Amino acid sequence: QEQLVESGGGLVQAGGSLRLSCAASGGILSGYSMGWFRQAPGKEREFVAAITWSGTIIYYEDSVKGRFTISRDNAKNMVYLQMNSLKPEDTAIYYCGRKKTINIGGMMSRYEYDYWGQGTQVTVSS
């Protein structure tokens, strides 16, 4: 079955850290870029970070640069998002997604992703 499953969310105080994981099944990671997006209540789903299949190209949304790190382990079919120095404004549901095409254009656009996980809630208290 082709699916993505996120885990690792939770409640953390400002300044704390969380590591999100995205487990892929059905071979859907092979050759594709992956991204993390987030959606806060009443807002649209927004880009957080993305990584190519080889891991050689990585993008971050400006507000998370220097705090978040995206990585992947293709042998384990896993994608990760290490989040440090968390802020209340990072509170959202975090989703991992698979880019719908192998080319790397549009990695920061949610419209370029087809498979999505169910999301994992991250809440940062002040």
Protein backbone atom coordinates (compact mmCIF):
# COMPACT_ATOMS: atom_id res chain seq x y z
CA GLN A 1 0.00 0.00 0.00
CA GLU A 2 1.40 3.38 -0.99
CA GLN A 3 1.27 5.77 1.91
CA LEU A 4 3.15 8.24 4.07
CA VAL A 5 2.85 8.22 7.85
CA GLU A 6 4.15 11.07 10.01
CA SER A 7 5.07 10.79 13.68
CA GLY A 8 7.00 12.63 16.36
CA GLY A 9 4.78 15.61 17.01
CA GLY A 10 3.78 16.76 20.46
CA LEU A 11 3.66 19.58 22.96
CA VAL A 12 6.91 21.38 23.69
CA GLN A 13 7.92 24.62 25.37
CA ALA A 14 9.38 27.46 23.37
CA GLY A 15 13.07 26.84 22.77
CA GLY A 16 12.61 23.09 22.79
CA SER A 17 13.16 20.51 20.07
CA LEU A 18 11.22 17.83 18.25
CA ARG A 19 12.14 15.37 15.54
CA LEU A 20 9.45 14.49 13.05
CA SER A 21 9.59 11.30 11.04
CA CYS A 22 7.85 10.35 7.83
CA ALA A 23 7.68 6.66 6.96
CA ALA A 24 6.95 5.71 3.37
CA SER A 25 5.64 2.43 2.10
CA GLY A 26 4.96 1.02 -1.32
CA GLY A 27 8.21 2.30 -2.78
CA ILE A 28 6.85 5.79 -3.33
CA LEU A 29 10.03 7.54 -2.22
CA SER A 30 12.26 6.08 -4.89
CA GLY A 31 13.73 8.82 -7.04
CA TYR A 32 11.45 11.59 -5.74
CA SER A 33 12.00 14.76 -3.79
CA MET A 34 10.20 15.02 -0.47
CA GLY A 35 8.90 17.98 1.45
CA TRP A 36 7.55 19.05 4.81
CA PHE A 37 4.66 21.47 4.96
CA ARG A 38 2.60 22.81 7.84
CA GLN A 39 -0.88 24.15 8.34
CA ALA A 40 -2.00 26.30 11.24
CA PRO A 41 -5.70 26.79 12.05
CA GLY A 42 -7.36 29.10 9.56
CA LYS A 43 -4.30 29.24 7.34
CA GLU A 44 -3.25 27.57 4.14
CA ARG A 45 -0.74 24.75 4.05
CA GLU A 46 2.70 26.33 3.76
CA PHE A 47 6.13 25.12 2.75
CA VAL A 48 8.69 24.31 5.44
CA ALA A 49 11.51 22.31 3.86
CA ALA A 50 12.26 20.03 0.93
CA ILE A 51 15.02 17.66 -0.11
CA THR A 52 15.89 15.94 -3.35
CA TRP A 53 16.27 12.18 -3.68
CA SER A 54 20.06 12.42 -3.46
CA GLY A 55 19.92 14.94 -0.63
CA THR A 56 22.20 17.32 -2.50
CA ILE A 57 19.59 20.07 -2.89
CA ILE A 58 17.68 21.32 0.13
CA TYR A 59 15.33 24.26 0.53
CA TYR A 60 13.99 25.90 3.67
CA GLU A 61 11.34 28.48 4.31
CA ASP A 62 13.04 31.61 5.59
CA SER A 63 11.58 31.54 9.10
CA VAL A 64 12.97 28.05 9.82
CA LYS A 65 16.45 28.46 8.36
CA GLY A 66 19.08 27.73 10.98
CA ARG A 67 16.53 26.03 13.25
CA PHE A 68 15.13 23.14 11.21
CA THR A 69 17.02 20.42 9.35
CA ILE A 70 15.49 18.08 6.79
CA SER A 71 17.13 14.75 6.04
CA ARG A 72 16.28 11.39 4.54
CA ASP A 73 17.39 7.77 4.72
CA ASN A 74 16.44 6.19 1.41
CA ALA A 75 17.44 2.72 2.52
CA LYS A 76 14.89 2.96 5.33
CA ASN A 77 12.28 4.85 3.31
CA MET A 78 12.30 7.62 5.89
CA VAL A 79 12.32 11.40 5.84
CA TYR A 80 13.02 13.49 8.94
CA LEU A 81 12.59 17.04 10.16
CA GLN A 82 14.71 18.05 13.13
CA MET A 83 13.21 21.15 14.71
CA ASN A 84 15.24 23.13 17.22
CA SER A 85 14.64 26.45 18.98
CA LEU A 86 10.93 26.04 18.47
CA LYS A 87 8.69 29.09 18.67
CA PRO A 88 4.95 29.41 19.35
CA GLU A 89 4.47 30.44 15.73
CA ASP A 90 5.72 27.00 14.67
CA THR A 91 2.51 25.51 16.07
CA ALA A 92 0.71 23.66 13.28
CA ILE A 93 -0.07 20.29 11.83
CA TYR A 94 3.01 19.11 9.94
CA TYR A 95 2.65 17.04 6.79
CA CYS A 96 5.20 15.24 4.67
CA GLY A 97 4.59 15.01 0.99
CA ARG A 98 6.08 13.38 -2.09
CA LYS A 99 6.71 15.54 -5.13
CA LYS A 100 4.57 14.32 -8.02
CA THR A 101 7.38 14.49 -10.60
CA ILE A 102 11.05 13.57 -10.53
CA ASN A 103 12.23 16.96 -11.77
CA ILE A 104 13.17 19.35 -8.98
CA GLY A 105 11.24 22.39 -10.15
CA GLY A 106 8.52 23.63 -7.81
CA MET A 107 9.77 21.91 -4.69
CA MET A 108 8.37 24.72 -2.53
CA SER A 109 4.85 24.54 -3.94
CA ARG A 110 2.27 22.31 -2.29
CA TYR A 111 0.59 21.89 -5.68
CA GLU A 112 3.63 19.95 -6.90
CA TYR A 113 3.07 17.17 -4.35
CA ASP A 114 0.72 14.24 -4.71
CA TYR A 115 1.09 11.84 -1.78
CA TRP A 116 0.51 13.27 1.69
CA GLY A 117 0.53 11.80 5.14
CA GLN A 118 -2.19 12.33 7.74
CA GLY A 119 -0.14 14.93 9.58
CA THR A 120 1.28 15.22 13.07
CA GLN A 121 0.41 18.02 15.49
CA VAL A 122 3.17 20.23 16.83
CA THR A 123 2.25 22.62 19.63
CA VAL A 124 4.78 25.06 21.05
CA SER A 125 3.82 26.80 24.28
CA SER A 126 5.21 30.17 25.27
